[in-house]
Protein backbone atom coordinates (compact mmCIF):
# COMPACT_ATOMS: atom_id res chain seq x y z
CA UNK A 1 76.37 -14.21 128.03
CA UNK A 2 73.30 -12.59 126.67
CA UNK A 3 74.40 -13.45 123.09
CA UNK A 4 74.55 -17.12 123.99
CA UNK A 5 71.14 -17.18 125.26
CA UNK A 6 69.66 -15.58 122.24
CA UNK A 7 71.49 -18.16 120.06
CA UNK A 8 70.18 -21.03 122.13
CA UNK A 9 66.61 -19.78 122.21
CA UNK A 10 66.70 -18.97 118.35
CA UNK A 11 68.04 -22.53 117.62
CA UNK A 12 65.42 -24.21 119.72
CA UNK A 13 62.45 -22.02 118.35
CA UNK A 14 63.77 -22.85 114.77
CA UNK A 15 63.85 -26.51 115.55
CA UNK A 16 60.14 -26.40 116.75
CA UNK A 17 58.99 -24.48 113.79
CA UNK A 18 60.78 -27.07 111.39
CA UNK A 19 59.18 -29.99 113.00
CA UNK A 20 55.59 -28.78 112.90
CA UNK A 21 53.50 -30.37 110.28
CA UNK A 22 51.56 -28.18 107.86
CA UNK A 23 47.89 -28.97 108.84
CA UNK A 24 46.56 -27.97 105.41
CA UNK A 25 48.86 -30.13 103.44
CA UNK A 26 47.07 -32.77 101.47
CA UNK A 27 48.52 -36.31 101.27
CA UNK A 28 50.95 -36.83 98.35
CA UNK A 29 49.41 -40.02 97.20
CA UNK A 30 45.71 -39.16 96.87
CA UNK A 31 44.51 -42.25 95.18
CA UNK A 32 44.52 -44.36 98.32
CA UNK A 33 41.49 -42.28 99.41
CA UNK A 34 39.33 -43.56 96.54
CA UNK A 35 38.98 -46.84 94.81
CA UNK A 36 37.03 -48.03 91.84
CA UNK A 37 36.28 -51.59 92.64
CA UNK A 38 34.75 -52.42 89.30
CA UNK A 39 33.31 -50.77 85.99
CA UNK A 40 30.61 -53.22 84.67
CA UNK A 41 28.38 -53.15 81.45
CA UNK A 42 25.19 -54.79 80.85
CA UNK A 43 26.43 -55.75 77.35
CA UNK A 44 29.96 -55.57 76.10
CA UNK A 45 28.95 -55.85 72.40
CA UNK A 46 25.97 -53.95 71.04
CA UNK A 47 24.63 -53.23 67.58
CA UNK A 48 24.76 -49.64 66.49
CA UNK A 49 22.02 -47.42 68.17
CA UNK A 50 21.43 -50.00 70.94
CA UNK A 51 22.46 -49.18 74.53
CA UNK A 52 24.51 -50.58 77.19
CA UNK A 53 24.26 -49.60 80.82
CA UNK A 54 27.52 -48.85 82.56
CA UNK A 55 27.87 -48.97 86.34
CA UNK A 56 30.86 -47.73 88.45
CA UNK A 57 31.27 -49.22 91.88
CA UNK A 58 33.55 -46.99 93.99
CA UNK A 59 34.51 -46.42 97.58
CA UNK A 60 35.38 -43.15 99.18
CA UNK A 61 33.97 -40.09 100.83
CA UNK A 62 31.93 -37.38 99.04
CA UNK A 63 32.56 -38.94 95.50
CA UNK A 64 31.90 -37.26 92.22
CA UNK A 65 31.53 -39.13 88.98
CA UNK A 66 32.40 -37.91 85.48
CA UNK A 67 32.26 -39.89 82.28
CA UNK A 68 33.82 -39.59 78.93
CA UNK A 69 33.68 -41.62 75.67
CA UNK A 70 35.90 -41.67 72.58
CA UNK A 71 32.98 -42.45 70.39
CA UNK A 72 29.28 -42.54 70.64
CA UNK A 73 27.32 -40.72 73.55
CA UNK A 74 25.89 -41.43 76.88
CA UNK A 75 22.97 -40.39 78.95
CA UNK A 76 22.82 -40.20 82.73
CA UNK A 77 25.46 -39.52 85.35
CA UNK A 78 26.58 -40.37 88.80
CA UNK A 79 27.22 -44.10 89.28
CA UNK A 80 25.45 -45.26 86.09
CA UNK A 81 25.14 -44.19 82.40
CA UNK A 82 23.57 -45.58 79.30
CA UNK A 83 25.96 -45.75 76.35
CA UNK A 84 25.07 -45.73 72.74
CA UNK A 85 26.87 -45.15 69.41
CA UNK A 86 25.69 -45.12 65.73
CA UNK A 87 26.98 -46.72 62.56
CA UNK A 88 29.91 -44.30 62.41
CA UNK A 89 31.32 -45.63 65.54
CA UNK A 90 31.61 -49.20 64.68
CA UNK A 91 34.57 -50.95 66.40
CA UNK A 92 35.87 -51.07 69.98
CA UNK A 93 35.08 -47.87 71.91
CA UNK A 94 36.40 -46.68 75.26
CA UNK A 95 34.35 -45.25 78.03
CA UNK A 96 36.27 -43.61 80.97
CA UNK A 97 34.79 -43.05 84.37
CA UNK A 98 36.65 -40.66 86.73
CA UNK A 99 35.87 -40.76 90.31
CA UNK A 100 37.11 -37.83 92.48
CA UNK A 101 36.79 -35.97 95.73
CA UNK A 102 38.72 -33.35 97.58
CA UNK A 103 41.59 -35.73 97.88
CA UNK A 104 42.24 -36.57 94.35
CA UNK A 105 40.80 -38.78 91.68
CA UNK A 106 40.89 -42.36 90.13
CA UNK A 107 40.18 -43.25 86.46
CA UNK A 108 39.10 -46.55 84.96
CA UNK A 109 38.15 -47.59 81.42
CA UNK A 110 35.75 -50.12 79.79
CA UNK A 111 35.49 -51.01 76.24
CA UNK A 112 32.26 -51.64 74.31
CA UNK A 113 32.19 -53.26 70.97
CA UNK A 114 29.75 -51.53 68.45
CA UNK A 115 28.66 -53.68 65.47
CA UNK A 116 26.60 -52.69 62.48
CA UNK A 117 22.88 -52.46 62.85
CA UNK A 118 22.73 -53.89 59.16
CA UNK A 119 24.36 -57.06 59.61
CA UNK A 120 27.85 -58.53 59.52
CA UNK A 121 28.08 -58.30 63.35
CA UNK A 122 27.13 -60.01 66.32
């Protein structure tokens, strides 16, 4: 009889442990915690060495913004940067904004066309 009680108690205890949710577990789909509503440029075509202001509009809690560009460079940070590129970067250039917090991250790209300062462009 004593063995039956131990088996029953062990079975019930195991079931309770298996059903308990891990409180430290993060959600598997983290991108639903952050949204980038829009990534907007003041100009989508600039002559070399001119600047375009790019602004990210995002929603979420405790957001951190990081920026990258495939050509050219930028100044600033947070929700807004100023992007510029020289003659060596003529063409369609991609600027990427990544918005993150402790739940994950979301990334969005924008493209700026850089034309020659010396003519032949817009």
